[in-house]
């Protein structure tokens, strides 16, 4: 509800004990075939998920302007 632009993704919003617990409950309530984790932390080691999981990695490369650095600087007012 708070992030409608995210679509069917569930962002991990933090890693405190309470946030991890809330994330675990939310994931386990979702009707899905598989849960993909693309976070820097190995969440399946911290939470008990009742469905198959897969950890994925990604890499980012700038291909055109604006560059990611430029967007972040503007967005963060640095």
C-alpha atoms as a PDB file:
ATOM      1  CA  UNK A   1       0.000   0.000   0.000  1.00  0.00           C
ATOM      2  CA  UNK A   2       2.815   2.383   0.855  1.00  0.00           C
ATOM      3  CA  UNK A   3       4.794   1.675  -2.348  1.00  0.00           C
ATOM      4  CA  UNK A   4       2.290   0.986  -5.151  1.00  0.00           C
ATOM      5  CA  UNK A   5       4.927   1.509  -7.863  1.00  0.00           C
ATOM      6  CA  UNK A   6       6.834  -1.577  -6.684  1.00  0.00           C
ATOM      7  CA  UNK A   7       4.225  -4.004  -8.030  1.00  0.00           C
ATOM      8  CA  UNK A   8       4.539  -7.664  -6.984  1.00  0.00           C
ATOM      9  CA  UNK A   9       7.893  -7.099  -5.258  1.00  0.00           C
ATOM     10  CA  UNK A  10       8.417  -7.050  -1.521  1.00  0.00           C
ATOM     11  CA  UNK A  11      11.309  -4.797  -0.542  1.00  0.00           C
ATOM     12  CA  UNK A  12      13.283  -5.652   2.579  1.00  0.00           C
ATOM     13  CA  UNK A  13      13.108  -2.349   4.399  1.00  0.00           C
ATOM     14  CA  UNK A  14      15.606  -3.110   7.153  1.00  0.00           C
ATOM     15  CA  UNK A  15      17.291  -5.836   9.114  1.00  0.00           C
ATOM     16  CA  UNK A  16      16.313  -5.265  12.734  1.00  0.00           C
ATOM     17  CA  UNK A  17      14.877  -8.305  14.539  1.00  0.00           C
ATOM     18  CA  UNK A  18      11.368  -6.878  14.289  1.00  0.00           C
ATOM     19  CA  UNK A  19      11.716  -6.045  10.585  1.00  0.00           C
ATOM     20  CA  UNK A  20      13.070  -9.512   9.780  1.00  0.00           C
ATOM     21  CA  UNK A  21      10.237 -11.108  11.738  1.00  0.00           C
ATOM     22  CA  UNK A  22       7.644  -8.981   9.904  1.00  0.00           C
ATOM     23  CA  UNK A  23       9.256  -9.861   6.569  1.00  0.00           C
ATOM     24  CA  UNK A  24       9.115 -13.573   7.393  1.00  0.00           C
ATOM     25  CA  UNK A  25       5.417 -13.385   8.289  1.00  0.00           C
ATOM     26  CA  UNK A  26       4.619 -11.400   5.148  1.00  0.00           C
ATOM     27  CA  UNK A  27       6.521 -13.762   2.840  1.00  0.00           C
ATOM     28  CA  UNK A  28       4.868 -16.816   4.362  1.00  0.00           C
ATOM     29  CA  UNK A  29       1.405 -15.295   3.801  1.00  0.00           C
ATOM     30  CA  UNK A  30       2.037 -14.618   0.096  1.00  0.00           C
ATOM     31  CA  UNK A  31       0.575 -17.041  -2.435  1.00  0.00           C
ATOM     32  CA  UNK A  32       3.508 -17.675  -4.776  1.00  0.00           C
ATOM     33  CA  UNK A  33       5.526 -20.513  -6.266  1.00  0.00           C
ATOM     34  CA  UNK A  34       8.991 -19.255  -5.313  1.00  0.00           C
ATOM     35  CA  UNK A  35      10.617 -16.404  -3.415  1.00  0.00           C
ATOM     36  CA  UNK A  36      13.587 -14.654  -5.016  1.00  0.00           C
ATOM     37  CA  UNK A  37      16.055 -12.874  -2.762  1.00  0.00           C
ATOM     38  CA  UNK A  38      18.226 -10.161  -4.328  1.00  0.00           C
ATOM     39  CA  UNK A  39      19.537  -8.503  -1.187  1.00  0.00           C
ATOM     40  CA  UNK A  40      23.156  -8.141  -0.060  1.00  0.00           C
ATOM     41  CA  UNK A  41      22.351 -10.236   3.008  1.00  0.00           C
ATOM     42  CA  UNK A  42      21.494 -13.949   2.775  1.00  0.00           C
ATOM     43  CA  UNK A  43      17.953 -13.635   4.146  1.00  0.00           C
ATOM     44  CA  UNK A  44      17.072 -17.351   3.923  1.00  0.00           C
ATOM     45  CA  UNK A  45      19.649 -17.877   6.680  1.00  0.00           C
ATOM     46  CA  UNK A  46      17.718 -15.458   8.907  1.00  0.00           C
ATOM     47  CA  UNK A  47      14.100 -16.323   8.161  1.00  0.00           C
ATOM     48  CA  UNK A  48      12.093 -19.507   7.900  1.00  0.00           C
ATOM     49  CA  UNK A  49      10.209 -19.510   4.594  1.00  0.00           C
ATOM     50  CA  UNK A  50       7.479 -22.039   3.816  1.00  0.00           C
ATOM     51  CA  UNK A  51       8.113 -22.084   0.063  1.00  0.00           C
ATOM     52  CA  UNK A  52      11.100 -22.602  -2.249  1.00  0.00           C
ATOM     53  CA  UNK A  53      13.615 -19.754  -2.347  1.00  0.00           C
ATOM     54  CA  UNK A  54      16.327 -18.690  -4.750  1.00  0.00           C
ATOM     55  CA  UNK A  55      19.028 -16.121  -4.130  1.00  0.00           C
ATOM     56  CA  UNK A  56      19.810 -14.035  -7.195  1.00  0.00           C
ATOM     57  CA  UNK A  57      22.619 -11.604  -7.909  1.00  0.00           C
ATOM     58  CA  UNK A  58      22.754  -8.698 -10.267  1.00  0.00           C
ATOM     59  CA  UNK A  59      25.212  -6.204 -11.644  1.00  0.00           C
ATOM     60  CA  UNK A  60      24.564  -2.674 -12.819  1.00  0.00           C
ATOM     61  CA  UNK A  61      26.330  -0.857 -15.649  1.00  0.00           C
ATOM     62  CA  UNK A  62      25.608   2.619 -16.921  1.00  0.00           C
ATOM     63  CA  UNK A  63      24.611   2.606 -20.584  1.00  0.00           C
ATOM     64  CA  UNK A  64      23.405   6.144 -21.102  1.00  0.00           C
ATOM     65  CA  UNK A  65      22.756   9.408 -19.345  1.00  0.00           C
ATOM     66  CA  UNK A  66      21.736  10.168 -16.753  1.00  0.00           C
ATOM     67  CA  UNK A  67      24.287   7.994 -14.986  1.00  0.00           C
ATOM     68  CA  UNK A  68      23.212   6.289 -11.783  1.00  0.00           C
ATOM     69  CA  UNK A  69      25.662   8.464  -9.866  1.00  0.00           C
ATOM     70  CA  UNK A  70      24.048  11.612 -11.297  1.00  0.00           C
ATOM     71  CA  UNK A  71      20.561  10.428 -10.393  1.00  0.00           C
ATOM     72  CA  UNK A  72      21.597   9.580  -6.835  1.00  0.00           C
ATOM     73  CA  UNK A  73      23.392  12.880  -6.326  1.00  0.00           C
ATOM     74  CA  UNK A  74      20.335  14.784  -7.523  1.00  0.00           C
ATOM     75  CA  UNK A  75      17.917  12.629  -5.528  1.00  0.00           C
ATOM     76  CA  UNK A  76      19.962  12.769  -2.321  1.00  0.00           C
ATOM     77  CA  UNK A  77      20.793  16.460  -2.707  1.00  0.00           C
ATOM     78  CA  UNK A  78      24.503  15.765  -2.310  1.00  0.00           C
END
